[in-house]
């Protein structure tokens, strides 16, 4: 008996279907200069082999193709991370690449903890430079936000390494 859970990859058309309703599809088609039928087709599974092979892929399918190309070329997706960072920024979030959990030595575990502490220290330094009163220095605020994002990434990666099955 296989105890491993297989994670189902969400299809781009499922995601588009969750995001767009009929009115949104019409509006998006206008904004993208595409037909409403094409945008609506991005929200449902291809019905025939011919439709699947037509190449009328939606924007999420194109992103997936780009990311897979980078991963195939490099053997890892790291070079495509700016795409995730860009999308996360648009959504007001933080892109956190999840490292593959592995059994690691005590030295490696200490190095990961050290990384978290270093990133957290940079946040404290950045925050003290802008002041907790919220000075109007945009560059310093942007640097502080980047440091916070880096610290969040380090913490999530450490958590995933410690507890690979948990959330």
C-alpha atoms as a PDB file:
ATOM      1  CA  UNK A   1       0.000   0.000   0.000  1.00  0.00           C
ATOM      2  CA  UNK A   2       1.376   3.380  -0.995  1.00  0.00           C
ATOM      3  CA  UNK A   3       1.173   5.819   1.914  1.00  0.00           C
ATOM      4  CA  UNK A   4       2.411   8.771  -0.116  1.00  0.00           C
ATOM      5  CA  UNK A   5      -0.276  11.232  -1.019  1.00  0.00           C
ATOM      6  CA  UNK A   6      -0.126  12.328  -4.617  1.00  0.00           C
ATOM      7  CA  UNK A   7      -0.612  16.040  -4.916  1.00  0.00           C
ATOM      8  CA  UNK A   8      -2.913  16.891  -7.803  1.00  0.00           C
ATOM      9  CA  UNK A   9      -1.584  19.758  -9.858  1.00  0.00           C
ATOM     10  CA  UNK A  10      -4.299  22.286 -10.529  1.00  0.00           C
ATOM     11  CA  UNK A  11      -4.937  22.894 -14.191  1.00  0.00           C
ATOM     12  CA  UNK A  12      -4.723  26.418 -15.561  1.00  0.00           C
ATOM     13  CA  UNK A  13      -8.308  26.227 -16.826  1.00  0.00           C
ATOM     14  CA  UNK A  14      -9.527  25.290 -13.320  1.00  0.00           C
ATOM     15  CA  UNK A  15      -7.806  28.342 -11.857  1.00  0.00           C
ATOM     16  CA  UNK A  16      -9.082  30.626 -14.613  1.00  0.00           C
ATOM     17  CA  UNK A  17     -12.576  29.229 -14.059  1.00  0.00           C
ATOM     18  CA  UNK A  18     -12.353  30.098 -10.357  1.00  0.00           C
ATOM     19  CA  UNK A  19     -11.199  33.626 -11.115  1.00  0.00           C
ATOM     20  CA  UNK A  20     -13.375  34.649 -14.053  1.00  0.00           C
ATOM     21  CA  UNK A  21     -17.119  34.586 -14.346  1.00  0.00           C
ATOM     22  CA  UNK A  22     -18.970  35.263 -17.607  1.00  0.00           C
ATOM     23  CA  UNK A  23     -18.929  39.055 -17.240  1.00  0.00           C
ATOM     24  CA  UNK A  24     -15.251  39.075 -16.285  1.00  0.00           C
ATOM     25  CA  UNK A  25     -14.389  36.982 -19.337  1.00  0.00           C
ATOM     26  CA  UNK A  26     -16.082  39.515 -21.620  1.00  0.00           C
ATOM     27  CA  UNK A  27     -14.300  42.431 -19.942  1.00  0.00           C
ATOM     28  CA  UNK A  28     -10.932  40.639 -20.039  1.00  0.00           C
ATOM     29  CA  UNK A  29     -11.417  39.818 -23.723  1.00  0.00           C
ATOM     30  CA  UNK A  30     -11.941  43.519 -24.395  1.00  0.00           C
ATOM     31  CA  UNK A  31      -8.839  44.492 -22.399  1.00  0.00           C
ATOM     32  CA  UNK A  32      -6.675  41.870 -24.137  1.00  0.00           C
ATOM     33  CA  UNK A  33      -8.173  42.374 -27.609  1.00  0.00           C
ATOM     34  CA  UNK A  34      -9.226  38.730 -27.749  1.00  0.00           C
ATOM     35  CA  UNK A  35     -12.599  37.184 -28.480  1.00  0.00           C
ATOM     36  CA  UNK A  36     -14.874  36.439 -25.531  1.00  0.00           C
ATOM     37  CA  UNK A  37     -15.069  32.840 -26.768  1.00  0.00           C
ATOM     38  CA  UNK A  38     -11.282  32.452 -26.490  1.00  0.00           C
ATOM     39  CA  UNK A  39     -11.162  33.886 -22.963  1.00  0.00           C
ATOM     40  CA  UNK A  40     -14.098  31.686 -21.956  1.00  0.00           C
ATOM     41  CA  UNK A  41     -12.251  28.677 -23.420  1.00  0.00           C
ATOM     42  CA  UNK A  42      -9.338  29.428 -21.060  1.00  0.00           C
ATOM     43  CA  UNK A  43     -11.782  28.655 -18.213  1.00  0.00           C
ATOM     44  CA  UNK A  44     -12.700  25.104 -19.240  1.00  0.00           C
ATOM     45  CA  UNK A  45     -10.953  21.877 -20.160  1.00  0.00           C
ATOM     46  CA  UNK A  46     -10.303  21.325 -23.874  1.00  0.00           C
ATOM     47  CA  UNK A  47     -13.173  19.298 -25.308  1.00  0.00           C
ATOM     48  CA  UNK A  48     -11.358  17.622 -28.187  1.00  0.00           C
ATOM     49  CA  UNK A  49      -7.813  16.650 -29.118  1.00  0.00           C
ATOM     50  CA  UNK A  50      -7.946  19.206 -31.888  1.00  0.00           C
ATOM     51  CA  UNK A  51      -8.895  21.934 -29.430  1.00  0.00           C
ATOM     52  CA  UNK A  52      -6.130  20.819 -27.076  1.00  0.00           C
ATOM     53  CA  UNK A  53      -3.578  20.870 -29.914  1.00  0.00           C
ATOM     54  CA  UNK A  54      -4.790  24.214 -31.282  1.00  0.00           C
ATOM     55  CA  UNK A  55      -2.205  26.169 -29.300  1.00  0.00           C
ATOM     56  CA  UNK A  56      -4.854  28.536 -27.935  1.00  0.00           C
ATOM     57  CA  UNK A  57      -3.368  28.410 -24.481  1.00  0.00           C
ATOM     58  CA  UNK A  58      -4.340  30.845 -21.773  1.00  0.00           C
ATOM     59  CA  UNK A  59      -1.957  33.141 -19.931  1.00  0.00           C
ATOM     60  CA  UNK A  60      -1.470  30.679 -17.060  1.00  0.00           C
ATOM     61  CA  UNK A  61      -0.592  27.899 -19.503  1.00  0.00           C
ATOM     62  CA  UNK A  62       1.999  30.185 -21.065  1.00  0.00           C
ATOM     63  CA  UNK A  63       3.511  30.984 -17.663  1.00  0.00           C
ATOM     64  CA  UNK A  64       3.662  27.271 -16.877  1.00  0.00           C
ATOM     65  CA  UNK A  65       5.408  26.588 -20.191  1.00  0.00           C
ATOM     66  CA  UNK A  66       7.959  29.328 -19.495  1.00  0.00           C
ATOM     67  CA  UNK A  67       8.678  28.034 -15.981  1.00  0.00           C
ATOM     68  CA  UNK A  68       8.965  24.424 -17.170  1.00  0.00           C
ATOM     69  CA  UNK A  69      11.351  25.513 -19.941  1.00  0.00           C
ATOM     70  CA  UNK A  70      13.611  27.217 -17.389  1.00  0.00           C
ATOM     71  CA  UNK A  71      13.448  24.180 -15.100  1.00  0.00           C
ATOM     72  CA  UNK A  72      14.282  21.832 -17.981  1.00  0.00           C
ATOM     73  CA  UNK A  73      17.171  24.033 -19.147  1.00  0.00           C
ATOM     74  CA  UNK A  74      18.689  24.584 -15.704  1.00  0.00           C
ATOM     75  CA  UNK A  75      17.587  21.440 -13.863  1.00  0.00           C
ATOM     76  CA  UNK A  76      15.929  23.683 -11.262  1.00  0.00           C
ATOM     77  CA  UNK A  77      13.362  26.499 -11.419  1.00  0.00           C
ATOM     78  CA  UNK A  78      15.404  29.162  -9.602  1.00  0.00           C
ATOM     79  CA  UNK A  79      15.860  31.427 -12.644  1.00  0.00           C
ATOM     80  CA  UNK A  80      12.050  31.666 -12.950  1.00  0.00           C
ATOM     81  CA  UNK A  81      11.618  32.884  -9.356  1.00  0.00           C
ATOM     82  CA  UNK A  82      11.278  36.532 -10.481  1.00  0.00           C
ATOM     83  CA  UNK A  83       7.981  35.494 -12.112  1.00  0.00           C
ATOM     84  CA  UNK A  84       6.674  34.255  -8.758  1.00  0.00           C
ATOM     85  CA  UNK A  85       8.015  37.361  -7.019  1.00  0.00           C
ATOM     86  CA  UNK A  86       6.304  39.592  -9.576  1.00  0.00           C
ATOM     87  CA  UNK A  87       2.943  37.839  -9.222  1.00  0.00           C
ATOM     88  CA  UNK A  88       3.200  37.780  -5.419  1.00  0.00           C
ATOM     89  CA  UNK A  89       3.964  41.509  -5.436  1.00  0.00           C
ATOM     90  CA  UNK A  90       0.903  42.208  -7.620  1.00  0.00           C
ATOM     91  CA  UNK A  91      -1.216  40.262  -5.129  1.00  0.00           C
ATOM     92  CA  UNK A  92       0.321  41.950  -2.095  1.00  0.00           C
ATOM     93  CA  UNK A  93       2.063  38.791  -0.952  1.00  0.00           C
ATOM     94  CA  UNK A  94       5.477  37.241  -0.722  1.00  0.00           C
ATOM     95  CA  UNK A  95       6.873  34.548  -2.999  1.00  0.00           C
ATOM     96  CA  UNK A  96       8.401  31.772  -0.915  1.00  0.00           C
ATOM     97  CA  UNK A  97      10.267  29.076  -2.825  1.00  0.00           C
ATOM     98  CA  UNK A  98       9.920  25.874  -0.836  1.00  0.00           C
ATOM     99  CA  UNK A  99      13.122  23.910  -0.589  1.00  0.00           C
ATOM    100  CA  UNK A 100      12.902  20.165  -0.795  1.00  0.00           C
ATOM    101  CA  UNK A 101      13.130  18.739   2.703  1.00  0.00           C
ATOM    102  CA  UNK A 102      16.043  16.492   3.277  1.00  0.00           C
ATOM    103  CA  UNK A 103      17.760  14.800   6.101  1.00  0.00           C
ATOM    104  CA  UNK A 104      20.454  17.248   6.943  1.00  0.00           C
ATOM    105  CA  UNK A 105      23.379  17.293   9.257  1.00  0.00           C
ATOM    106  CA  UNK A 106      23.420  19.247  12.468  1.00  0.00           C
ATOM    107  CA  UNK A 107      25.813  21.717  10.822  1.00  0.00           C
ATOM    108  CA  UNK A 108      23.373  22.269   7.946  1.00  0.00           C
ATOM    109  CA  UNK A 109      20.494  22.780  10.376  1.00  0.00           C
ATOM    110  CA  UNK A 110      22.563  25.319  12.319  1.00  0.00           C
ATOM    111  CA  UNK A 111      23.428  27.076   9.053  1.00  0.00           C
ATOM    112  CA  UNK A 112      19.709  27.371   8.244  1.00  0.00           C
ATOM    113  CA  UNK A 113      18.969  28.787  11.695  1.00  0.00           C
ATOM    114  CA  UNK A 114      21.892  31.185  11.304  1.00  0.00           C
ATOM    115  CA  UNK A 115      20.431  32.322   7.977  1.00  0.00           C
ATOM    116  CA  UNK A 116      17.097  33.079   9.663  1.00  0.00           C
ATOM    117  CA  UNK A 117      18.859  35.051  12.401  1.00  0.00           C
ATOM    118  CA  UNK A 118      20.933  37.001   9.856  1.00  0.00           C
ATOM    119  CA  UNK A 119      17.823  37.887   7.819  1.00  0.00           C
ATOM    120  CA  UNK A 120      15.945  38.898  10.968  1.00  0.00           C
ATOM    121  CA  UNK A 121      18.881  41.062  12.047  1.00  0.00           C
ATOM    122  CA  UNK A 122      18.782  42.836   8.673  1.00  0.00           C
ATOM    123  CA  UNK A 123      15.080  43.562   9.198  1.00  0.00           C
ATOM    124  CA  UNK A 124      15.789  45.074  12.606  1.00  0.00           C
ATOM    125  CA  UNK A 125      18.613  47.173  11.151  1.00  0.00           C
ATOM    126  CA  UNK A 126      16.445  48.376   8.239  1.00  0.00           C
ATOM    127  CA  UNK A 127      13.514  49.160  10.519  1.00  0.00           C
ATOM    128  CA  UNK A 128      15.712  51.149  12.887  1.00  0.00           C
ATOM    129  CA  UNK A 129      17.065  53.173   9.942  1.00  0.00           C
ATOM    130  CA  UNK A 130      13.589  54.314   8.902  1.00  0.00           C
ATOM    131  CA  UNK A 131      12.420  54.628  12.471  1.00  0.00           C
ATOM    132  CA  UNK A 132       9.362  53.016  13.884  1.00  0.00           C
ATOM    133  CA  UNK A 133       7.492  56.286  13.466  1.00  0.00           C
ATOM    134  CA  UNK A 134       7.386  55.746   9.688  1.00  0.00           C
ATOM    135  CA  UNK A 135       9.776  58.248   8.144  1.00  0.00           C
ATOM    136  CA  UNK A 136       9.021  59.225   4.552  1.00  0.00           C
ATOM    137  CA  UNK A 137      12.187  57.775   3.019  1.00  0.00           C
ATOM    138  CA  UNK A 138      10.757  55.575   0.247  1.00  0.00           C
ATOM    139  CA  UNK A 139      14.065  53.874  -0.594  1.00  0.00           C
ATOM    140  CA  UNK A 140      14.688  52.914   3.035  1.00  0.00           C
ATOM    141  CA  UNK A 141      11.123  51.625   3.365  1.00  0.00           C
ATOM    142  CA  UNK A 142      11.487  49.548   0.185  1.00  0.00           C
ATOM    143  CA  UNK A 143      14.766  48.085   1.476  1.00  0.00           C
ATOM    144  CA  UNK A 144      13.123  47.235   4.799  1.00  0.00           C
ATOM    145  CA  UNK A 145      10.224  45.515   3.031  1.00  0.00           C
ATOM    146  CA  UNK A 146      12.687  43.466   0.935  1.00  0.00           C
ATOM    147  CA  UNK A 147      14.519  42.474   4.132  1.00  0.00           C
ATOM    148  CA  UNK A 148      11.226  41.427   5.749  1.00  0.00           C
ATOM    149  CA  UNK A 149      10.347  39.329   2.685  1.00  0.00           C
ATOM    150  CA  UNK A 150      13.785  37.666   2.789  1.00  0.00           C
ATOM    151  CA  UNK A 151      13.329  36.858   6.496  1.00  0.00           C
ATOM    152  CA  UNK A 152       9.886  35.376   5.829  1.00  0.00           C
ATOM    153  CA  UNK A 153      11.323  33.190   3.073  1.00  0.00           C
ATOM    154  CA  UNK A 154      14.126  31.990   5.371  1.00  0.00           C
ATOM    155  CA  UNK A 155      11.644  31.132   8.129  1.00  0.00           C
ATOM    156  CA  UNK A 156       9.268  29.253   5.810  1.00  0.00           C
ATOM    157  CA  UNK A 157      12.156  27.290   4.319  1.00  0.00           C
ATOM    158  CA  UNK A 158      13.406  26.361   7.785  1.00  0.00           C
ATOM    159  CA  UNK A 159       9.896  25.320   8.807  1.00  0.00           C
ATOM    160  CA  UNK A 160       9.503  23.168   5.682  1.00  0.00           C
ATOM    161  CA  UNK A 161      12.845  21.496   6.339  1.00  0.00           C
ATOM    162  CA  UNK A 162      11.946  20.753   9.956  1.00  0.00           C
ATOM    163  CA  UNK A 163       8.385  19.593   9.276  1.00  0.00           C
ATOM    164  CA  UNK A 164       8.106  18.594   5.588  1.00  0.00           C
ATOM    165  CA  UNK A 165       4.569  17.187   5.871  1.00  0.00           C
ATOM    166  CA  UNK A 166       3.053  19.858   8.078  1.00  0.00           C
ATOM    167  CA  UNK A 167       1.921  23.348   7.367  1.00  0.00           C
END
